[in-house]
Protein backbone atom coordinates (compact mmCIF):
# COMPACT_ATOMS: atom_id res chain seq x y z
CA GLN A 1 15.86 -134.07 -34.33
CA ALA A 2 14.72 -136.51 -37.00
CA GLY A 3 15.45 -140.19 -36.57
CA VAL A 4 15.06 -143.63 -38.05
CA GLU A 5 13.65 -146.74 -36.41
CA LEU A 6 14.69 -150.18 -37.57
CA GLY A 7 13.14 -153.34 -36.22
CA TRP A 8 11.60 -156.73 -36.70
CA THR A 9 8.49 -158.54 -35.56
CA VAL A 10 7.94 -162.30 -35.34
CA LYS A 11 4.55 -163.93 -34.77
CA ALA A 12 3.57 -167.59 -34.61
CA ALA A 13 0.31 -169.12 -33.43
CA GLY A 14 -0.99 -172.61 -32.99
CA ARG A 15 -4.28 -173.97 -31.75
CA THR A 16 -3.43 -173.60 -28.05
CA CYS A 17 -0.49 -171.17 -27.90
CA ALA A 18 0.96 -168.07 -29.53
CA VAL A 19 4.41 -166.48 -29.56
CA ARG A 20 5.23 -162.91 -30.52
CA GLY A 21 8.47 -160.96 -30.42
CA GLU A 22 9.70 -157.59 -31.53
CA ALA A 23 12.94 -155.61 -31.46
CA VAL A 24 13.53 -151.98 -32.43
CA GLU A 25 16.57 -149.70 -32.62
CA GLY A 26 16.29 -145.94 -33.00
CA LYS A 27 19.16 -144.02 -34.64
CA THR A 28 19.69 -140.34 -35.26
CA VAL A 29 19.83 -139.27 -38.88
CA THR A 30 22.95 -137.16 -38.36
CA GLY A 31 25.05 -139.75 -36.52
CA ALA A 32 25.80 -143.44 -36.39
CA ALA A 33 25.23 -143.81 -32.64
CA VAL A 34 22.33 -145.97 -31.51
CA ASP A 35 20.06 -143.80 -29.40
CA SER A 36 17.67 -146.43 -28.08
CA ARG A 37 17.02 -150.16 -28.22
CA THR A 38 14.17 -152.33 -27.02
CA TRP A 39 12.79 -155.84 -27.42
CA PHE A 40 9.99 -157.99 -26.07
CA ALA A 41 8.89 -161.61 -26.38
CA THR A 42 5.53 -163.05 -25.28
CA LEU A 43 4.22 -166.60 -24.94
CA VAL A 44 0.48 -167.17 -24.40
CA ALA A 45 -0.82 -170.69 -23.72
CA GLU A 46 -4.45 -171.74 -23.28
CA ILE A 47 -5.26 -173.55 -20.04
CA LEU A 48 -9.04 -173.70 -20.58
CA PRO A 49 -9.87 -173.12 -24.28
CA GLY A 50 -11.60 -169.78 -24.83
CA SER A 51 -11.59 -168.97 -21.12
CA LEU A 52 -8.21 -169.02 -19.34
CA GLU A 53 -4.67 -168.30 -20.58
CA ALA A 54 -1.23 -168.33 -18.99
CA VAL A 55 1.16 -165.60 -20.14
CA VAL A 56 4.94 -165.15 -19.90
CA ARG A 57 6.60 -162.01 -21.26
CA GLY A 58 10.07 -160.50 -21.27
CA ASP A 59 10.78 -156.81 -22.01
CA TRP A 60 14.08 -154.93 -22.20
CA LEU A 61 14.67 -151.22 -22.84
CA ASP A 62 17.76 -149.06 -23.19
CA PRO A 63 16.28 -145.59 -23.82
CA ASP A 64 19.64 -143.92 -24.47
CA ALA A 65 22.64 -146.04 -25.42
CA LYS A 66 25.00 -143.20 -24.49
CA GLN A 67 23.72 -142.99 -20.91
CA LEU A 68 24.67 -145.33 -18.10
CA LYS A 69 22.26 -146.75 -15.51
CA ASP A 70 19.09 -146.29 -17.59
CA ARG A 71 18.36 -149.83 -18.79
CA ARG A 72 15.30 -151.70 -17.54
CA ALA A 73 14.20 -155.32 -17.88
CA GLU A 74 10.85 -156.81 -16.92
CA THR A 75 9.72 -160.42 -16.69
CA THR A 76 5.95 -160.89 -16.47
CA VAL A 77 3.97 -163.97 -15.50
CA GLY A 78 0.21 -163.86 -15.42
CA LEU A 79 -3.25 -165.16 -16.20
CA ASN A 80 -5.94 -163.88 -18.57
CA GLN A 81 -9.57 -164.81 -17.85
CA TYR A 82 -12.16 -164.26 -20.59
CA LEU A 83 -15.87 -163.80 -19.84
CA ALA A 84 -19.04 -162.94 -21.79
CA ALA A 85 -18.05 -164.65 -25.05
CA ARG A 86 -14.56 -163.04 -24.88
CA LYS A 87 -15.97 -159.50 -24.63
CA VAL A 88 -14.51 -159.11 -21.12
CA LYS A 89 -10.91 -159.87 -20.14
CA LEU A 90 -9.51 -159.88 -16.63
CA GLN A 91 -5.73 -159.90 -16.29
CA ALA A 92 -3.57 -160.59 -13.25
CA ASN A 93 0.18 -160.16 -13.78
CA TYR A 94 3.23 -160.19 -11.54
CA VAL A 95 6.10 -158.19 -13.04
CA VAL A 96 9.68 -158.70 -11.85
CA VAL A 97 11.55 -155.46 -12.54
CA LYS A 98 15.33 -155.11 -12.90
CA ASP A 99 15.98 -151.39 -13.19
CA GLU A 100 19.50 -149.96 -13.33
CA ASN A 101 18.14 -146.59 -12.20
CA PRO A 102 18.37 -146.47 -8.38
CA ALA A 103 15.17 -144.38 -8.28
CA GLY A 104 13.27 -147.07 -10.21
CA ARG A 105 10.28 -148.81 -8.68
CA GLY A 106 10.35 -152.42 -7.57
CA ASP A 107 8.24 -155.35 -8.71
CA ILE A 108 4.64 -154.75 -9.79
CA LEU A 109 1.34 -156.54 -9.27
CA ARG A 110 -0.84 -155.43 -12.18
CA LEU A 111 -4.59 -156.08 -12.42
CA ASN A 112 -6.44 -155.06 -15.59
CA PHE A 113 -10.08 -155.09 -16.71
CA GLN A 114 -10.78 -154.81 -20.43
CA THR A 115 -14.05 -154.87 -22.34
CA THR A 116 -15.23 -154.46 -25.92
CA PHE A 117 -18.62 -153.39 -27.13
């Protein structure tokens, strides 16, 4: 079934920090009911310029507004370490999960390695 997504994005950056946020609603074309909603907001602050960042992020998702017990919220705190002239990024994040679904997983420790070439 075809649908429409409506949303907004906000970005702001300074010399030592950046903020970004986004919200989206998805609606069916044939009805007025909101099918899904989501938002996120992120704050990144430099601790050591060009090398180490602290990150805080909030995410919220309601995949189907007509269903109960399917919403999920995550709060993330973490560090980003840049190496090799910012061509390598190491991330360590702790994610606090609040999931209305009883089968949902608990909190997450996420470690990422990213490179560009």
